[in-house]
Amino acid sequence: RLRQLDRTGSFWYSSVFEIELTAPSSIEL
């Protein structure tokens, strides 16, 4: 999520996004 800050000290949150990071299918250097 993003927390937007303005110069007055106020803030608000964005929507929340979920994502999955899976194992790579190969080994690589």
PDB file of all heavy atoms in Angstrom:
ATOM      1  N   ARG A   1       0.862  -1.179   0.000  1.00  0.00           N
ATOM      2  CA  ARG A   1       0.000   0.000   0.000  1.00  0.00           C
ATOM      3  C   ARG A   1       0.904   1.236   0.000  1.00  0.00           C
ATOM      4  O   ARG A   1       2.085   1.170   0.366  1.00  0.00           O
ATOM      5  CB  ARG A   1      -0.944   0.013   1.200  1.00  0.00           C
ATOM      6  CG  ARG A   1      -0.274   0.224   2.544  1.00  0.00           C
ATOM      7  CD  ARG A   1      -1.270   0.171   3.685  1.00  0.00           C
ATOM      8  NE  ARG A   1      -0.591   0.335   4.968  1.00  0.00           N
ATOM      9  CZ  ARG A   1      -1.167   0.156   6.141  1.00  0.00           C
ATOM     10  NH1 ARG A   1      -2.438  -0.213   6.201  1.00  0.00           N
ATOM     11  NH2 ARG A   1      -0.496   0.333   7.265  1.00  0.00           N
ATOM     12  N   LEU A   2       0.317   2.357  -0.430  1.00  0.00           N
ATOM     13  CA  LEU A   2       1.012   3.641  -0.410  1.00  0.00           C
ATOM     14  C   LEU A   2       0.442   4.483   0.718  1.00  0.00           C
ATOM     15  O   LEU A   2      -0.770   4.492   0.929  1.00  0.00           O
ATOM     16  CB  LEU A   2       0.799   4.392  -1.732  1.00  0.00           C
ATOM     17  CG  LEU A   2       1.258   3.704  -3.006  1.00  0.00           C
ATOM     18  CD1 LEU A   2       0.842   4.535  -4.220  1.00  0.00           C
ATOM     19  CD2 LEU A   2       2.756   3.488  -2.986  1.00  0.00           C
ATOM     20  N   ARG A   3       1.301   5.175   1.428  1.00  0.00           N
ATOM     21  CA  ARG A   3       0.856   6.176   2.397  1.00  0.00           C
ATOM     22  C   ARG A   3       1.336   7.520   1.865  1.00  0.00           C
ATOM     23  O   ARG A   3       2.533   7.810   1.858  1.00  0.00           O
ATOM     24  CB  ARG A   3       1.427   5.915   3.785  1.00  0.00           C
ATOM     25  CG  ARG A   3       0.940   6.933   4.810  1.00  0.00           C
ATOM     26  CD  ARG A   3       1.200   6.508   6.249  1.00  0.00           C
ATOM     27  NE  ARG A   3       2.464   5.874   6.465  1.00  0.00           N
ATOM     28  CZ  ARG A   3       3.503   6.447   7.085  1.00  0.00           C
ATOM     29  NH1 ARG A   3       3.418   7.673   7.528  1.00  0.00           N
ATOM     30  NH2 ARG A   3       4.622   5.784   7.244  1.00  0.00           N
ATOM     31  N   GLN A   4       0.406   8.313   1.357  1.00  0.00           N
ATOM     32  CA  GLN A   4       0.742   9.613   0.782  1.00  0.00           C
ATOM     33  C   GLN A   4       0.831  10.639   1.896  1.00  0.00           C
ATOM     34  O   GLN A   4      -0.041  10.722   2.751  1.00  0.00           O
ATOM     35  CB  GLN A   4      -0.312  10.018  -0.258  1.00  0.00           C
ATOM     36  CG  GLN A   4       0.013  11.305  -0.992  1.00  0.00           C
ATOM     37  CD  GLN A   4      -0.416  12.551  -0.242  1.00  0.00           C
ATOM     38  OE1 GLN A   4      -1.426  12.583   0.430  1.00  0.00           O
ATOM     39  NE2 GLN A   4       0.397  13.585  -0.345  1.00  0.00           N
ATOM     40  N   LEU A   5       1.920  11.419   1.904  1.00  0.00           N
ATOM     41  CA  LEU A   5       2.138  12.450   2.912  1.00  0.00           C
ATOM     42  C   LEU A   5       2.076  13.815   2.248  1.00  0.00           C
ATOM     43  O   LEU A   5       2.689  14.012   1.200  1.00  0.00           O
ATOM     44  CB  LEU A   5       3.523  12.294   3.555  1.00  0.00           C
ATOM     45  CG  LEU A   5       3.846  10.957   4.207  1.00  0.00           C
ATOM     46  CD1 LEU A   5       5.314  10.903   4.589  1.00  0.00           C
ATOM     47  CD2 LEU A   5       2.982  10.755   5.428  1.00  0.00           C
ATOM     48  N   ASP A   6       1.360  14.755   2.863  1.00  0.00           N
ATOM     49  CA  ASP A   6       1.424  16.109   2.325  1.00  0.00           C
ATOM     50  C   ASP A   6       2.260  16.972   3.256  1.00  0.00           C
ATOM     51  O   ASP A   6       2.668  16.552   4.335  1.00  0.00           O
ATOM     52  CB  ASP A   6       0.040  16.689   2.026  1.00  0.00           C
ATOM     53  CG  ASP A   6      -0.783  16.988   3.262  1.00  0.00           C
ATOM     54  OD1 ASP A   6      -0.194  17.217   4.323  1.00  0.00           O
ATOM     55  OD2 ASP A   6      -2.011  17.014   3.139  1.00  0.00           O
ATOM     56  N   ARG A   7       2.575  18.173   2.806  1.00  0.00           N
ATOM     57  CA  ARG A   7       3.507  19.040   3.540  1.00  0.00           C
ATOM     58  C   ARG A   7       2.950  19.553   4.860  1.00  0.00           C
ATOM     59  O   ARG A   7       3.693  20.090   5.675  1.00  0.00           O
ATOM     60  CB  ARG A   7       3.939  20.190   2.639  1.00  0.00           C
ATOM     61  CG  ARG A   7       4.813  19.716   1.502  1.00  0.00           C
ATOM     62  CD  ARG A   7       5.305  20.855   0.651  1.00  0.00           C
ATOM     63  NE  ARG A   7       6.199  20.334  -0.374  1.00  0.00           N
ATOM     64  CZ  ARG A   7       6.293  20.837  -1.574  1.00  0.00           C
ATOM     65  NH1 ARG A   7       5.559  21.882  -1.927  1.00  0.00           N
ATOM     66  NH2 ARG A   7       7.130  20.307  -2.455  1.00  0.00           N
ATOM     67  N   THR A   8       1.658  19.375   5.099  1.00  0.00           N
ATOM     68  CA  THR A   8       1.071  19.808   6.378  1.00  0.00           C
ATOM     69  C   THR A   8       1.133  18.709   7.429  1.00  0.00           C
ATOM     70  O   THR A   8       0.727  18.914   8.562  1.00  0.00           O
ATOM     71  CB  THR A   8      -0.407  20.215   6.190  1.00  0.00           C
ATOM     72  OG1 THR A   8      -1.170  19.050   5.847  1.00  0.00           O
ATOM     73  CG2 THR A   8      -0.566  21.287   5.129  1.00  0.00           C
ATOM     74  N   GLY A   9       1.600  17.522   7.033  1.00  0.00           N
ATOM     75  CA  GLY A   9       1.664  16.403   7.960  1.00  0.00           C
ATOM     76  C   GLY A   9       0.486  15.453   7.843  1.00  0.00           C
ATOM     77  O   GLY A   9       0.463  14.409   8.487  1.00  0.00           O
ATOM     78  N   SER A  10      -0.510  15.803   7.035  1.00  0.00           N
ATOM     79  CA  SER A  10      -1.651  14.905   6.821  1.00  0.00           C
ATOM     80  C   SER A  10      -1.229  13.745   5.924  1.00  0.00           C
ATOM     81  O   SER A  10      -0.262  13.844   5.166  1.00  0.00           O
ATOM     82  CB  SER A  10      -2.798  15.663   6.156  1.00  0.00           C
ATOM     83  OG  SER A  10      -3.254  16.694   7.000  1.00  0.00           O
ATOM     84  N   PHE A  11      -1.969  12.648   5.999  1.00  0.00           N
ATOM     85  CA  PHE A  11      -1.665  11.500   5.148  1.00  0.00           C
ATOM     86  C   PHE A  11      -2.939  10.718   4.877  1.00  0.00           C
ATOM     87  O   PHE A  11      -3.947  10.873   5.561  1.00  0.00           O
ATOM     88  CB  PHE A  11      -0.610  10.598   5.788  1.00  0.00           C
ATOM     89  CG  PHE A  11      -1.050   9.961   7.080  1.00  0.00           C
ATOM     90  CD1 PHE A  11      -1.667   8.717   7.083  1.00  0.00           C
ATOM     91  CD2 PHE A  11      -0.844  10.601   8.288  1.00  0.00           C
ATOM     92  CE1 PHE A  11      -2.077   8.126   8.262  1.00  0.00           C
ATOM     93  CE2 PHE A  11      -1.249  10.022   9.484  1.00  0.00           C
ATOM     94  CZ  PHE A  11      -1.870   8.784   9.466  1.00  0.00           C
ATOM     95  N   TRP A  12      -2.874   9.867   3.844  1.00  0.00           N
ATOM     96  CA  TRP A  12      -3.956   8.929   3.540  1.00  0.00           C
ATOM     97  C   TRP A  12      -3.340   7.691   2.919  1.00  0.00           C
ATOM     98  O   TRP A  12      -2.231   7.722   2.400  1.00  0.00           O
ATOM     99  CB  TRP A  12      -5.038   9.542   2.649  1.00  0.00           C
ATOM    100  CG  TRP A  12      -4.543  10.016   1.312  1.00  0.00           C
ATOM    101  CD1 TRP A  12      -4.113  11.256   0.991  1.00  0.00           C
ATOM    102  CD2 TRP A  12      -4.402   9.233   0.116  1.00  0.00           C
ATOM    103  NE1 TRP A  12      -3.716  11.315  -0.314  1.00  0.00           N
ATOM    104  CE2 TRP A  12      -3.888  10.075  -0.878  1.00  0.00           C
ATOM    105  CE3 TRP A  12      -4.659   7.899  -0.209  1.00  0.00           C
ATOM    106  CZ2 TRP A  12      -3.612   9.644  -2.168  1.00  0.00           C
ATOM    107  CZ3 TRP A  12      -4.383   7.475  -1.501  1.00  0.00           C
ATOM    108  CH2 TRP A  12      -3.879   8.338  -2.464  1.00  0.00           C
ATOM    109  N   TYR A  13      -4.078   6.578   3.002  1.00  0.00           N
ATOM    110  CA  TYR A  13      -3.609   5.299   2.454  1.00  0.00           C
ATOM    111  C   TYR A  13      -4.310   4.985   1.143  1.00  0.00           C
ATOM    112  O   TYR A  13      -5.486   5.265   0.969  1.00  0.00           O
ATOM    113  CB  TYR A  13      -3.890   4.164   3.440  1.00  0.00           C
ATOM    114  CG  TYR A  13      -2.977   4.154   4.627  1.00  0.00           C
ATOM    115  CD1 TYR A  13      -3.405   4.684   5.841  1.00  0.00           C
ATOM    116  CD2 TYR A  13      -1.700   3.638   4.556  1.00  0.00           C
ATOM    117  CE1 TYR A  13      -2.567   4.692   6.949  1.00  0.00           C
ATOM    118  CE2 TYR A  13      -0.865   3.635   5.657  1.00  0.00           C
ATOM    119  CZ  TYR A  13      -1.301   4.161   6.848  1.00  0.00           C
ATOM    120  OH  TYR A  13      -0.478   4.174   7.931  1.00  0.00           O
ATOM    121  N   SER A  14      -3.556   4.342   0.252  1.00  0.00           N
ATOM    122  CA  SER A  14      -4.131   3.848  -0.999  1.00  0.00           C
ATOM    123  C   SER A  14      -4.850   2.534  -0.737  1.00  0.00           C
ATOM    124  O   SER A  14      -4.833   2.004   0.374  1.00  0.00           O
ATOM    125  CB  SER A  14      -3.014   3.597  -2.015  1.00  0.00           C
ATOM    126  OG  SER A  14      -2.242   2.465  -1.604  1.00  0.00           O
ATOM    127  N   SER A  15      -5.430   1.984  -1.776  1.00  0.00           N
ATOM    128  CA  SER A  15      -5.953   0.619  -1.708  1.00  0.00           C
ATOM    129  C   SER A  15      -4.786  -0.329  -1.473  1.00  0.00           C
ATOM    130  O   SER A  15      -3.626   0.008  -1.702  1.00  0.00           O
ATOM    131  CB  SER A  15      -6.636   0.250  -3.028  1.00  0.00           C
ATOM    132  OG  SER A  15      -7.722   1.103  -3.260  1.00  0.00           O
ATOM    133  N   VAL A  16      -5.109  -1.534  -1.038  1.00  0.00           N
ATOM    134  CA  VAL A  16      -4.101  -2.556  -0.760  1.00  0.00           C
ATOM    135  C   VAL A  16      -4.087  -3.550  -1.917  1.00  0.00           C
ATOM    136  O   VAL A  16      -5.132  -3.951  -2.411  1.00  0.00           O
ATOM    137  CB  VAL A  16      -4.449  -3.270   0.569  1.00  0.00           C
ATOM    138  CG1 VAL A  16      -3.538  -4.442   0.816  1.00  0.00           C
ATOM    139  CG2 VAL A  16      -4.384  -2.278   1.722  1.00  0.00           C
ATOM    140  N   PHE A  17      -2.862  -3.936  -2.353  1.00  0.00           N
ATOM    141  CA  PHE A  17      -2.733  -4.898  -3.440  1.00  0.00           C
ATOM    142  C   PHE A  17      -1.915  -6.089  -2.979  1.00  0.00           C
ATOM    143  O   PHE A  17      -0.861  -5.928  -2.371  1.00  0.00           O
ATOM    144  CB  PHE A  17      -2.059  -4.261  -4.663  1.00  0.00           C
ATOM    145  CG  PHE A  17      -2.971  -3.364  -5.424  1.00  0.00           C
ATOM    146  CD1 PHE A  17      -3.115  -2.042  -5.058  1.00  0.00           C
ATOM    147  CD2 PHE A  17      -3.706  -3.849  -6.484  1.00  0.00           C
ATOM    148  CE1 PHE A  17      -3.966  -1.204  -5.750  1.00  0.00           C
ATOM    149  CE2 PHE A  17      -4.570  -3.021  -7.175  1.00  0.00           C
ATOM    150  CZ  PHE A  17      -4.700  -1.702  -6.808  1.00  0.00           C
ATOM    151  N   GLU A  18      -2.415  -7.290  -3.289  1.00  0.00           N
ATOM    152  CA  GLU A  18      -1.737  -8.531  -2.916  1.00  0.00           C
ATOM    153  C   GLU A  18      -1.123  -9.154  -4.154  1.00  0.00           C
ATOM    154  O   GLU A  18      -1.711  -9.124  -5.240  1.00  0.00           O
ATOM    155  CB  GLU A  18      -2.738  -9.503  -2.297  1.00  0.00           C
ATOM    156  CG  GLU A  18      -2.096 -10.795  -1.831  1.00  0.00           C
ATOM    157  CD  GLU A  18      -3.093 -11.720  -1.149  1.00  0.00           C
ATOM    158  OE1 GLU A  18      -4.000 -11.219  -0.461  1.00  0.00           O
ATOM    159  OE2 GLU A  18      -2.952 -12.945  -1.331  1.00  0.00           O
ATOM    160  N   ILE A  19       0.072  -9.725  -3.991  1.00  0.00           N
ATOM    161  CA  ILE A  19       0.749 -10.381  -5.111  1.00  0.00           C
ATOM    162  C   ILE A  19       1.573 -11.538  -4.566  1.00  0.00           C
ATOM    163  O   ILE A  19       2.026 -11.504  -3.413  1.00  0.00           O
ATOM    164  CB  ILE A  19       1.625  -9.382  -5.891  1.00  0.00           C
ATOM    165  CG1 ILE A  19       2.058  -9.981  -7.221  1.00  0.00           C
ATOM    166  CG2 ILE A  19       2.794  -8.911  -5.061  1.00  0.00           C
ATOM    167  CD1 ILE A  19       2.435  -8.946  -8.254  1.00  0.00           C
ATOM    168  N   GLU A  20       1.752 -12.573  -5.377  1.00  0.00           N
ATOM    169  CA  GLU A  20       2.542 -13.740  -4.966  1.00  0.00           C
ATOM    170  C   GLU A  20       3.806 -13.830  -5.786  1.00  0.00           C
ATOM    171  O   GLU A  20       3.776 -13.725  -7.010  1.00  0.00           O
ATOM    172  CB  GLU A  20       1.732 -15.023  -5.120  1.00  0.00           C
ATOM    173  CG  GLU A  20       2.493 -16.234  -4.613  1.00  0.00           C
ATOM    174  CD  GLU A  20       1.632 -17.479  -4.497  1.00  0.00           C
ATOM    175  OE1 GLU A  20       0.461 -17.436  -4.902  1.00  0.00           O
ATOM    176  OE2 GLU A  20       2.153 -18.490  -4.006  1.00  0.00           O
ATOM    177  N   LEU A  21       4.932 -14.008  -5.094  1.00  0.00           N
ATOM    178  CA  LEU A  21       6.222 -14.215  -5.738  1.00  0.00           C
ATOM    179  C   LEU A  21       6.539 -15.693  -5.616  1.00  0.00           C
ATOM    180  O   LEU A  21       6.672 -16.215  -4.512  1.00  0.00           O
ATOM    181  CB  LEU A  21       7.304 -13.370  -5.058  1.00  0.00           C
ATOM    182  CG  LEU A  21       8.671 -13.354  -5.718  1.00  0.00           C
ATOM    183  CD1 LEU A  21       8.582 -12.771  -7.128  1.00  0.00           C
ATOM    184  CD2 LEU A  21       9.642 -12.534  -4.892  1.00  0.00           C
ATOM    185  N   THR A  22       6.576 -16.381  -6.749  1.00  0.00           N
ATOM    186  CA  THR A  22       6.820 -17.822  -6.759  1.00  0.00           C
ATOM    187  C   THR A  22       8.292 -18.100  -7.010  1.00  0.00           C
ATOM    188  O   THR A  22       9.034 -17.226  -7.471  1.00  0.00           O
ATOM    189  CB  THR A  22       5.964 -18.512  -7.831  1.00  0.00           C
ATOM    190  OG1 THR A  22       6.269 -17.938  -9.102  1.00  0.00           O
ATOM    191  CG2 THR A  22       4.482 -18.341  -7.539  1.00  0.00           C
ATOM    192  N   ALA A  23       8.685 -19.317  -6.732  1.00  0.00           N
ATOM    193  CA  ALA A  23      10.067 -19.719  -6.946  1.00  0.00           C
ATOM    194  C   ALA A  23      10.392 -19.684  -8.437  1.00  0.00           C
ATOM    195  O   ALA A  23       9.549 -20.019  -9.266  1.00  0.00           O
ATOM    196  CB  ALA A  23      10.301 -21.126  -6.409  1.00  0.00           C
ATOM    197  N   PRO A  24      11.592 -19.257  -8.784  1.00  0.00           N
ATOM    198  CA  PRO A  24      11.966 -19.291 -10.191  1.00  0.00           C
ATOM    199  C   PRO A  24      11.952 -20.731 -10.704  1.00  0.00           C
ATOM    200  O   PRO A  24      12.175 -21.672  -9.938  1.00  0.00           O
ATOM    201  CB  PRO A  24      13.376 -18.710 -10.219  1.00  0.00           C
ATOM    202  CG  PRO A  24      13.821 -18.572  -8.812  1.00  0.00           C
ATOM    203  CD  PRO A  24      12.642 -18.776  -7.918  1.00  0.00           C
ATOM    204  N   SER A  25      11.683 -20.901 -11.984  1.00  0.00           N
ATOM    205  CA  SER A  25      11.615 -22.247 -12.556  1.00  0.00           C
ATOM    206  C   SER A  25      12.991 -22.782 -12.896  1.00  0.00           C
ATOM    207  O   SER A  25      13.139 -23.943 -13.236  1.00  0.00           O
ATOM    208  CB  SER A  25      10.731 -22.244 -13.805  1.00  0.00           C
ATOM    209  OG  SER A  25      11.255 -21.326 -14.748  1.00  0.00           O
ATOM    210  N   SER A  26      14.003 -21.933 -12.809  1.00  0.00           N
ATOM    211  CA  SER A  26      15.351 -22.389 -13.124  1.00  0.00           C
ATOM    212  C   SER A  26      16.348 -21.732 -12.177  1.00  0.00           C
ATOM    213  O   SER A  26      16.018 -20.788 -11.466  1.00  0.00           O
ATOM    214  CB  SER A  26      15.702 -22.031 -14.573  1.00  0.00           C
ATOM    215  OG  SER A  26      15.696 -20.627 -14.726  1.00  0.00           O
ATOM    216  N   ILE A  27      17.546 -22.254 -12.193  1.00  0.00           N
ATOM    217  CA  ILE A  27      18.647 -21.695 -11.432  1.00  0.00           C
ATOM    218  C   ILE A  27      19.443 -20.829 -12.403  1.00  0.00           C
ATOM    219  O   ILE A  27      19.673 -21.227 -13.544  1.00  0.00           O
ATOM    220  CB  ILE A  27      19.527 -22.825 -10.846  1.00  0.00           C
ATOM    221  CG1 ILE A  27      18.688 -23.669  -9.888  1.00  0.00           C
ATOM    222  CG2 ILE A  27      20.746 -22.260 -10.150  1.00  0.00           C
ATOM    223  CD1 ILE A  27      19.366 -24.946  -9.437  1.00  0.00           C
ATOM    224  N   GLU A  28      19.830 -19.633 -11.941  1.00  0.00           N
ATOM    225  CA  GLU A  28      20.532 -18.738 -12.859  1.00  0.00           C
ATOM    226  C   GLU A  28      21.529 -17.871 -12.118  1.00  0.00           C
ATOM    227  O   GLU A  28      21.257 -17.362 -11.032  1.00  0.00           O
ATOM    228  CB  GLU A  28      19.527 -17.847 -13.593  1.00  0.00           C
ATOM    229  CG  GLU A  28      20.171 -16.955 -14.624  1.00  0.00           C
ATOM    230  CD  GLU A  28      19.164 -16.106 -15.379  1.00  0.00           C
ATOM    231  OE1 GLU A  28      17.959 -16.152 -15.062  1.00  0.00           O
ATOM    232  OE2 GLU A  28      19.595 -15.374 -16.275  1.00  0.00           O
ATOM    233  N   LEU A  29      22.692 -17.709 -12.731  1.00  0.00           N
ATOM    234  CA  LEU A  29      23.712 -16.769 -12.291  1.00  0.00           C
ATOM    235  C   LEU A  29      23.674 -15.609 -13.279  1.00  0.00           C
ATOM    236  O   LEU A  29      23.924 -15.800 -14.468  1.00  0.00           O
ATOM    237  CB  LEU A  29      25.093 -17.435 -12.296  1.00  0.00           C
ATOM    238  CG  LEU A  29      26.305 -16.516 -12.118  1.00  0.00           C
ATOM    239  CD1 LEU A  29      26.273 -15.823 -10.767  1.00  0.00           C
ATOM    240  CD2 LEU A  29      27.593 -17.316 -12.291  1.00  0.00           C
TER     241      LEU A  29
END
